C-alpha cells in the first residue's frame, strides 16, 4: 500500500507541475538521447494499454522511496515519466512518430527546459533572468565574400551576391504544416504566445510552453521539412558598394540572411570584400603608389604596361634618366604628363597631390606617389659600349683635373 501511495504522490507531483506551467527538459541530458519506446521497453507498435502497463511497472520499480541508495533513481524516474508523457497522448505520439526522436525534442525545446526535473515555473523564470516574454531569435546570420577588381573598389560598383542559407520551405511556405492546411491557434494562450502565472500576489506573463511563444500549434507536419519550416536554399541580393572600399572590409546587410521560421526577423548578411591586386597601382589607405623603371638613356615602361593598354589607352614613355625628360603616368582619373628632372636617381619619388582615393568619411583625396627605379643595361651594342667608355674617360679626366687643382691650392 505504501508503494502505491508513494507512486501516486510522484505522478500527482508531475501533474501539479504541468498545471502550473512547469517546463520539463528534453534537451541537455545524455540519457534523453534514447528513443522513448526504448525507455519504456516497448515496440513502436505497442498499444496504449501496453505503454501504460510498462510505465507503471517501471515507475513502481524506480520511484525514489524504493531506491534511496541510488542517486540516479530520480533522473531515471523522470526519464520514464517524460517518455510516458509523450506516448500516452495520441496527438503527441503521432507527432513523435512522424518526425522522429531528435527533431521532436528540438521542436519541443520551448516546452521542455531546465535541468531534466519537474520544478516550479517561478524558479525557471528567475533562473532565466526574468525572460518572461517569447524571444524570437530570428534567422541565422550569414557570412560570405565578394571579389572586386582594384578599380571597382576605388570607383564603387553594384554586385550581385549569391549565397547558400536557410530559406522558407517551398512545400509548406514556412508554416510547417502540410500543404492545404494551416497551423491552429494555440488553445492555451489563445494565440497570444503568452501565458499567466500567479502565486499569491505575484502575477507574471511568460512565454507559452505549448506553442513556444508563437501562438500557433502544428498538429501534423509538412513531409518536406518535417515541421522545421526551413530548407537549405540559395539567395541573391544586389549590393551597392561605395567608392573607396578597401580589401578585407566587411559590409553588414540587415535582414538579408537566413529566413526566420517563427516570425519576421531574418538574419543579417555579412559580406567581406576581397580586392584583387592591380598590375600598376598599389594602395596604402587613401594613397596610391606607382613604380616607374628608367634606363640610363630612356624611360622604359611601367610594370605591366609595356605589353598592354590601361583603360584602353596605350602608355608611351619618352625621356632620359640622365638628361631628364617627360613621361606619361597613369592615375585613377587618367594619364598625366610628368617631368623627370635631369640626374634622377634610384629610389627618388614624386608626389602627385590629390590623385589618390577619397576617404570614406571625408571629401579629402589621398596622394599618388611615383617611385623611380633606374635599370642598368646588361647587353650593350658595340656603339653603346664605345659611348659609355668615352663618357667614362671624360669623367676620369674631369676627376683628375679636380685633384690637380686641389693639390696646387694646398
Protein backbone atom coordinates (compact mmCIF):
# COMPACT_ATOMS: atom_id res chain seq x y z
CA UNK A 1 0.00 0.00 0.00
CA UNK A 2 2.84 2.32 0.89
CA UNK A 3 4.41 1.85 -2.53
CA UNK A 4 1.12 2.65 -4.24
CA UNK A 5 0.71 5.83 -2.21
CA UNK A 6 4.23 6.98 -2.97
CA UNK A 7 3.83 6.22 -6.67
CA UNK A 8 0.60 8.19 -6.74
CA UNK A 9 2.39 11.05 -4.97
CA UNK A 10 5.06 11.21 -7.66
CA UNK A 11 2.55 11.05 -10.51
CA UNK A 12 0.47 13.80 -8.89
CA UNK A 13 3.61 15.89 -8.45
CA UNK A 14 4.20 15.70 -12.20
CA UNK A 15 0.59 16.68 -12.89
CA UNK A 16 0.82 19.62 -10.48
CA UNK A 17 3.86 20.93 -12.26
CA UNK A 18 2.00 20.66 -15.57
CA UNK A 19 -0.85 22.65 -14.05
CA UNK A 20 1.49 25.47 -13.03
CA UNK A 21 3.12 25.58 -16.45
CA UNK A 22 6.36 23.97 -15.29
CA UNK A 23 8.75 23.01 -18.04
CA UNK A 24 10.42 19.64 -18.38
CA UNK A 25 13.80 19.28 -20.01
CA UNK A 26 14.19 17.07 -23.04
CA UNK A 27 17.49 18.63 -24.11
CA UNK A 28 20.80 18.82 -22.31
CA UNK A 29 20.73 15.26 -20.92
CA UNK A 30 22.63 12.37 -22.45
CA UNK A 31 20.05 9.87 -21.20
CA UNK A 32 17.28 11.59 -23.14
CA UNK A 33 19.02 10.76 -26.40
CA UNK A 34 17.31 7.34 -26.10
CA UNK A 35 14.17 6.65 -28.08
CA UNK A 36 11.06 6.92 -25.88
CA UNK A 37 9.90 3.45 -26.86
CA UNK A 38 13.26 2.06 -25.72
CA UNK A 39 12.96 3.94 -22.44
CA UNK A 40 9.67 2.18 -21.68
CA UNK A 41 10.85 -1.12 -23.15
CA UNK A 42 8.05 -1.44 -25.72
CA UNK A 43 7.91 -1.53 -29.51
CA UNK A 44 6.70 1.37 -31.61
CA UNK A 45 3.62 -0.71 -32.42
CA UNK A 46 2.65 -1.07 -28.76
CA UNK A 47 -0.95 -0.33 -27.78
CA UNK A 48 -1.93 2.33 -25.26
CA UNK A 49 -2.56 -0.34 -22.64
CA UNK A 50 0.88 -1.87 -23.21
CA UNK A 51 2.53 1.53 -22.85
CA UNK A 52 0.58 2.27 -19.68
CA UNK A 53 1.43 -1.11 -18.19
CA UNK A 54 5.13 -0.68 -18.99
CA UNK A 55 5.18 2.77 -17.44
CA UNK A 56 3.54 1.76 -14.17
CA UNK A 57 5.86 -1.21 -13.86
CA UNK A 58 8.95 0.98 -14.31
CA UNK A 59 7.57 3.78 -12.14
CA UNK A 60 6.98 1.37 -9.27
CA UNK A 61 10.45 -0.07 -9.69
CA UNK A 62 12.22 3.29 -9.96
CA UNK A 63 10.40 5.59 -7.57
CA UNK A 64 12.87 7.15 -5.08
CA UNK A 65 11.34 5.70 -1.92
CA UNK A 66 12.25 2.24 -3.14
CA UNK A 67 15.76 3.24 -4.22
CA UNK A 68 17.05 5.62 -1.58
CA UNK A 69 20.66 4.44 -2.03
CA UNK A 70 20.65 5.11 -5.79
CA UNK A 71 21.22 8.84 -6.53
CA UNK A 72 20.30 8.33 -10.20
CA UNK A 73 16.87 6.94 -9.44
CA UNK A 74 15.08 10.28 -9.62
CA UNK A 75 16.57 11.05 -13.04
CA UNK A 76 15.63 7.60 -14.32
CA UNK A 77 12.11 8.04 -12.99
CA UNK A 78 11.84 11.43 -14.68
CA UNK A 79 13.09 9.97 -17.96
CA UNK A 80 10.42 7.28 -17.85
CA UNK A 81 7.79 9.89 -16.95
CA UNK A 82 8.77 12.06 -19.90
CA UNK A 83 8.60 9.16 -22.32
CA UNK A 84 5.16 8.23 -20.99
CA UNK A 85 4.03 11.89 -21.14
CA UNK A 86 4.51 11.80 -24.91
CA UNK A 87 3.49 8.25 -25.79
CA UNK A 88 0.28 8.17 -23.75
CA UNK A 89 -1.09 11.15 -25.70
CA UNK A 90 -2.30 10.11 -29.16
CA UNK A 91 -1.64 13.55 -30.66
CA UNK A 92 1.87 13.85 -29.24
CA UNK A 93 2.67 10.26 -30.14
CA UNK A 94 1.59 10.85 -33.73
CA UNK A 95 3.88 13.88 -33.96
CA UNK A 96 6.73 11.93 -32.36
CA UNK A 97 6.34 9.07 -34.84
CA UNK A 98 6.14 11.47 -37.78
CA UNK A 99 9.30 13.47 -37.19
CA UNK A 100 11.44 11.12 -35.13
CA UNK A 101 13.08 11.41 -31.73
CA UNK A 102 15.71 14.11 -32.37
CA UNK A 103 13.52 16.56 -34.30
CA UNK A 104 10.67 16.13 -31.83
CA UNK A 105 12.96 17.08 -28.95
CA UNK A 106 14.19 20.13 -30.87
CA UNK A 107 10.65 21.26 -31.65
CA UNK A 108 9.53 20.80 -28.06
CA UNK A 109 12.55 22.55 -26.55
CA UNK A 110 10.39 25.57 -25.78
CA UNK A 111 8.01 23.35 -23.78
CA UNK A 112 10.79 21.42 -22.04
CA UNK A 113 13.50 23.42 -20.32
CA UNK A 114 15.66 23.30 -17.24
CA UNK A 115 17.76 20.50 -15.81
CA UNK A 116 15.64 17.44 -16.51
CA UNK A 117 13.35 17.55 -13.48
CA UNK A 118 9.93 18.83 -12.51
CA UNK A 119 10.27 22.25 -10.94
CA UNK A 120 8.34 25.36 -10.10
CA UNK A 121 7.89 27.77 -13.02
CA UNK A 122 8.96 30.74 -10.90
CA UNK A 123 12.31 29.07 -10.27
CA UNK A 124 12.78 28.73 -14.03
CA UNK A 125 11.75 32.35 -14.63
CA UNK A 126 14.28 33.75 -12.17
CA UNK A 127 16.99 31.37 -13.42
CA UNK A 128 16.48 32.72 -16.96
CA UNK A 129 16.90 36.30 -15.76
CA UNK A 130 13.26 37.46 -15.99
CA UNK A 131 12.87 36.33 -19.59
CA UNK A 132 9.09 36.50 -19.32
CA UNK A 133 8.14 37.09 -22.94
CA UNK A 134 8.77 34.97 -26.00
CA UNK A 135 12.09 35.79 -27.58
CA UNK A 136 12.23 35.01 -31.26
CA UNK A 137 15.93 34.88 -32.04
CA UNK A 138 15.22 35.20 -35.75
CA UNK A 139 17.01 33.71 -38.72
CA UNK A 140 20.66 32.79 -38.91
CA UNK A 141 23.32 35.34 -39.79
CA UNK A 142 25.27 34.52 -42.94
CA UNK A 143 28.89 35.30 -43.81
CA UNK A 144 30.14 35.38 -47.40
CA UNK A 145 32.57 37.34 -49.57
CA UNK A 146 32.65 39.13 -52.92
CA UNK A 147 35.66 39.73 -55.14
CA UNK A 148 36.31 43.14 -56.72
CA UNK A 149 38.86 44.45 -59.17
CA UNK A 150 41.08 47.28 -57.97
CA UNK A 151 39.15 49.88 -59.96
CA UNK A 152 35.75 48.54 -58.80
CA UNK A 153 36.87 49.09 -55.21
CA UNK A 154 38.19 52.58 -55.97
CA UNK A 155 35.24 53.78 -58.03
CA UNK A 156 32.42 51.83 -56.36
CA UNK A 157 30.10 49.38 -58.08
CA UNK A 158 27.00 47.20 -57.75
CA UNK A 159 27.46 43.45 -57.35
CA UNK A 160 25.07 40.52 -57.23
CA UNK A 161 25.92 38.40 -54.20
CA UNK A 162 24.69 34.79 -54.22
CA UNK A 163 24.97 32.59 -51.14
CA UNK A 164 23.52 29.47 -49.52
CA UNK A 165 21.37 29.83 -46.44
CA UNK A 166 18.15 28.65 -44.81
CA UNK A 167 15.00 29.66 -46.70
CA UNK A 168 11.33 29.01 -46.00
CA UNK A 169 10.22 25.56 -47.10
CA UNK A 170 8.81 25.68 -50.64
CA UNK A 171 6.30 22.94 -49.91
CA UNK A 172 4.55 24.47 -46.90
CA UNK A 173 5.56 28.11 -47.34
CA UNK A 174 7.17 28.13 -43.91
CA UNK A 175 4.10 27.07 -41.90
CA UNK A 176 5.47 23.65 -41.01
CA UNK A 177 2.05 22.13 -41.80
CA UNK A 178 1.13 20.01 -44.84
CA UNK A 179 0.05 21.93 -47.98
CA UNK A 180 -3.63 22.87 -47.82
CA UNK A 181 -3.62 23.08 -44.03
CA UNK A 182 -2.62 25.77 -41.61
CA UNK A 183 -1.38 25.79 -38.01
CA UNK A 184 -4.15 26.11 -35.44
CA UNK A 185 -4.40 28.84 -32.84
CA UNK A 186 -2.89 27.69 -29.56
CA UNK A 187 -5.68 26.96 -27.09
CA UNK A 188 -3.56 27.50 -24.02
CA UNK A 189 -2.54 31.10 -24.80
CA UNK A 190 -5.36 31.79 -27.33
CA UNK A 191 -2.81 32.84 -29.94
CA UNK A 192 -1.03 35.46 -27.84
CA UNK A 193 2.12 33.40 -27.25
CA UNK A 194 1.98 34.38 -23.58
CA UNK A 195 0.50 32.66 -20.53
CA UNK A 196 -0.05 33.98 -17.00
CA UNK A 197 1.48 32.54 -13.85
CA UNK A 198 0.26 33.66 -10.43
CA UNK A 199 1.27 32.77 -6.90
CA UNK A 200 -0.34 34.80 -4.17
CA UNK A 201 0.08 38.47 -5.01
CA UNK A 202 2.63 37.80 -7.75
CA UNK A 203 1.37 37.57 -11.33
CA UNK A 204 3.70 37.23 -14.29
CA UNK A 205 3.41 36.75 -18.04
CA UNK A 206 5.67 34.08 -19.51
CA UNK A 207 6.25 32.54 -22.90
CA UNK A 208 3.64 29.88 -23.64
CA UNK A 209 5.20 26.45 -23.34
CA UNK A 210 2.62 24.75 -25.55
CA UNK A 211 3.36 26.78 -28.69
CA UNK A 212 6.86 28.07 -27.76
CA UNK A 213 5.55 31.61 -27.82
CA UNK A 214 4.38 31.52 -31.45
CA UNK A 215 0.64 31.39 -30.72
CA UNK A 216 0.26 28.54 -33.23
CA UNK A 217 0.12 24.77 -32.94
CA UNK A 218 1.05 22.42 -35.80
CA UNK A 219 -0.74 19.10 -35.34
CA UNK A 220 0.69 17.34 -38.39
CA UNK A 221 3.91 18.24 -40.11
CA UNK A 222 4.98 19.03 -43.66
CA UNK A 223 6.69 15.97 -45.13
CA UNK A 224 9.36 18.05 -46.87
CA UNK A 225 10.70 19.99 -43.88
CA UNK A 226 9.21 17.71 -41.18
CA UNK A 227 7.80 20.71 -39.38
CA UNK A 228 11.05 22.68 -39.18
CA UNK A 229 9.64 25.25 -41.69
CA UNK A 230 13.03 25.76 -43.33
CA UNK A 231 15.16 24.15 -46.00
CA UNK A 232 18.57 24.79 -47.50
CA UNK A 233 18.42 27.16 -50.44
CA UNK A 234 20.14 29.94 -52.36
CA UNK A 235 19.55 33.67 -52.11
CA UNK A 236 20.82 36.53 -54.27
CA UNK A 237 20.90 40.23 -53.43
CA UNK A 238 22.08 43.40 -55.16
CA UNK A 239 24.86 45.01 -53.14
CA UNK A 240 25.75 48.67 -53.67
CA UNK A 241 29.43 49.14 -52.82
CA UNK A 242 30.58 52.69 -52.17
CA UNK A 243 33.73 54.11 -53.75
CA UNK A 244 36.91 53.70 -51.74
CA UNK A 245 36.17 50.40 -50.00
CA UNK A 246 39.33 48.53 -49.04
CA UNK A 247 40.41 44.90 -49.01
CA UNK A 248 39.02 42.77 -46.14
CA UNK A 249 36.40 45.31 -45.11
CA UNK A 250 33.06 43.75 -44.15
CA UNK A 251 29.65 45.15 -45.05
CA UNK A 252 26.57 44.32 -42.97
CA UNK A 253 23.29 43.97 -44.85
CA UNK A 254 20.43 43.95 -42.36
CA UNK A 255 17.69 41.29 -42.64
CA UNK A 256 19.20 39.62 -45.71
CA UNK A 257 20.47 36.43 -44.07
CA UNK A 258 18.64 33.21 -43.19
CA UNK A 259 14.85 33.08 -43.04
CA UNK A 260 13.07 33.31 -39.69
CA UNK A 261 10.88 30.23 -39.10
CA UNK A 262 8.78 31.82 -36.35
CA UNK A 263 8.37 35.44 -37.33
CA UNK A 264 9.65 38.29 -39.45
CA UNK A 265 13.22 38.61 -38.24
CA UNK A 266 15.58 37.32 -40.93
CA UNK A 267 19.23 37.12 -40.02
CA UNK A 268 21.81 39.61 -41.24
CA UNK A 269 24.26 39.16 -44.10
CA UNK A 270 27.96 39.95 -43.65
CA UNK A 271 29.90 40.42 -46.90
CA UNK A 272 33.70 40.60 -46.75
CA UNK A 273 35.36 42.45 -49.62
CA UNK A 274 38.30 40.83 -51.42
CA UNK A 275 40.14 43.20 -53.78
CA UNK A 276 42.35 41.72 -56.50
CA UNK A 277 45.85 43.11 -56.91
CA UNK A 278 46.40 45.57 -59.75
CA UNK A 279 49.43 45.30 -62.11
CA UNK A 280 50.07 49.05 -61.87
CA UNK A 281 48.65 50.55 -58.67
CA UNK A 282 49.36 49.71 -55.05
CA UNK A 283 47.12 51.04 -52.32
CA UNK A 284 48.03 52.31 -48.87
CA UNK A 285 44.93 53.66 -47.19
CA UNK A 286 43.80 56.56 -49.35
CA UNK A 287 47.18 56.87 -51.10
CA UNK A 288 48.27 55.26 -54.37
CA UNK A 289 51.79 54.10 -55.32
CA UNK A 290 53.14 53.56 -58.85
CA UNK A 291 56.62 52.33 -59.85
CA UNK A 292 58.47 53.52 -62.97
CA UNK A 293 61.57 51.92 -64.41
CA UNK A 294 64.13 54.27 -66.02
CA UNK A 295 67.08 53.12 -68.09
CA UNK A 296 70.22 55.19 -68.35
CA UNK A 297 69.21 56.50 -71.74
CA UNK A 298 65.41 56.35 -71.66
CA UNK A 299 62.37 55.62 -69.56
CA UNK A 300 61.41 52.08 -70.43
CA UNK A 301 57.93 51.37 -69.03
CA UNK A 302 55.60 50.91 -66.11
CA UNK A 303 55.48 47.28 -64.93
CA UNK A 304 52.56 45.56 -66.60
CA UNK A 305 52.02 48.29 -69.17
CA UNK A 306 54.74 47.52 -71.70
CA UNK A 307 52.63 44.87 -73.38
CA UNK A 308 49.06 46.06 -72.87
CA UNK A 309 46.87 49.12 -72.62
CA UNK A 310 45.40 50.61 -69.46
CA UNK A 311 41.74 51.61 -69.61
CA UNK A 312 42.01 51.50 -73.40
CA UNK A 313 44.91 53.99 -73.53
CA UNK A 314 48.39 52.89 -74.63
CA UNK A 315 51.06 54.23 -72.32
CA UNK A 316 54.06 55.76 -74.12
CA UNK A 317 57.12 56.75 -72.12
CA UNK A 318 59.76 59.10 -73.51
CA UNK A 319 62.76 60.81 -71.97
CA UNK A 320 66.12 60.25 -70.34
CA UNK A 321 67.17 59.48 -66.76
CA UNK A 322 70.42 61.40 -67.00
CA UNK A 323 69.33 64.19 -69.27
CA UNK A 324 65.77 64.42 -67.97
CA UNK A 325 62.55 64.34 -69.97
CA UNK A 326 58.85 63.64 -69.65
CA UNK A 327 56.79 60.53 -69.00
CA UNK A 328 53.09 59.75 -69.23
CA UNK A 329 51.92 58.45 -65.85
CA UNK A 330 48.62 56.59 -65.32
CA UNK A 331 46.43 57.86 -62.47
CA UNK A 332 42.99 56.83 -61.25
CA UNK A 333 41.40 59.58 -63.34
CA UNK A 334 43.52 59.25 -66.49
CA UNK A 335 47.07 59.82 -67.68
CA UNK A 336 49.15 62.85 -66.73
CA UNK A 337 52.47 64.07 -68.16
CA UNK A 338 55.21 64.14 -65.55
CA UNK A 339 58.53 65.94 -65.99
CA UNK A 340 61.63 63.99 -64.94
CA UNK A 341 64.45 66.22 -63.82
CA UNK A 342 67.99 65.61 -65.13
CA UNK A 343 70.04 63.37 -62.88
CA UNK A 344 67.09 61.48 -61.41
CA UNK A 345 68.42 58.82 -59.02
CA UNK A 346 67.33 55.33 -57.97
CA UNK A 347 64.60 55.45 -55.29
CA UNK A 348 63.60 59.06 -55.81
CA UNK A 349 59.89 59.82 -55.65
CA UNK A 350 57.46 62.40 -56.96
CA UNK A 351 54.16 63.19 -55.20
CA UNK A 352 51.04 63.92 -57.24
CA UNK A 353 48.73 65.76 -54.85
CA UNK A 354 45.04 64.74 -54.66
CA UNK A 355 45.49 61.90 -57.15
CA UNK A 356 44.67 59.17 -54.63
CA UNK A 357 41.43 57.76 -53.23
CA UNK A 358 38.71 59.72 -51.46
CA UNK A 359 38.33 58.84 -47.81
CA UNK A 360 35.09 57.06 -46.86
CA UNK A 361 34.11 59.64 -44.28
CA UNK A 362 35.55 62.76 -45.91
CA UNK A 363 35.88 64.59 -49.20
CA UNK A 364 39.68 64.66 -48.98
CA UNK A 365 41.64 62.81 -51.65
CA UNK A 366 44.84 60.94 -50.95
CA UNK A 367 48.03 61.39 -52.97
CA UNK A 368 49.73 59.35 -55.68
CA UNK A 369 53.40 58.54 -55.21
CA UNK A 370 55.52 57.87 -58.31
CA UNK A 371 58.67 55.87 -57.46
CA UNK A 372 61.68 55.93 -59.83
CA UNK A 373 63.81 52.82 -60.31
CA UNK A 374 66.90 53.06 -62.55
CA UNK A 375 67.67 49.99 -64.65
CA UNK A 376 71.29 49.20 -65.53
CA UNK A 377 71.66 47.79 -69.07
CA UNK A 378 73.14 44.29 -69.36
CA UNK A 379 73.63 43.71 -73.09
CA UNK A 380 75.32 46.60 -74.91
CA UNK A 381 75.95 47.07 -78.60
CA UNK A 382 79.45 47.99 -79.76
CA UNK A 383 78.39 51.59 -80.29
CA UNK A 384 76.75 51.82 -76.84
CA UNK A 385 79.90 50.45 -75.20
CA UNK A 386 82.10 52.96 -77.07
CA UNK A 387 79.88 55.85 -75.95
CA UNK A 388 79.91 54.75 -72.33
CA UNK A 389 83.69 54.25 -72.40
CA UNK A 390 84.05 57.73 -73.88
CA UNK A 391 81.82 59.08 -71.10
CA UNK A 392 83.92 57.20 -68.54
CA UNK A 393 87.18 58.68 -69.94
CA UNK A 394 85.81 62.21 -69.79
CA UNK A 395 84.58 61.60 -66.23
CA UNK A 396 88.05 60.33 -65.19
CA UNK A 397 89.81 63.26 -66.87
CA UNK A 398 87.48 65.67 -65.08
CA UNK A 399 88.20 63.98 -61.76
CA UNK A 400 91.97 64.11 -62.38
CA UNK A 401 91.83 67.83 -63.17
CA UNK A 402 89.98 68.45 -59.91
CA UNK A 403 92.62 66.51 -57.94
CA UNK A 404 95.46 68.52 -59.52
CA UNK A 405 93.72 71.80 -58.75
CA UNK A 406 93.25 70.74 -55.15
CA UNK A 407 96.97 69.80 -54.78
CA UNK A 408 98.11 73.10 -56.27
CA UNK A 409 95.97 75.11 -53.88
CA UNK A 410 97.24 73.05 -50.95
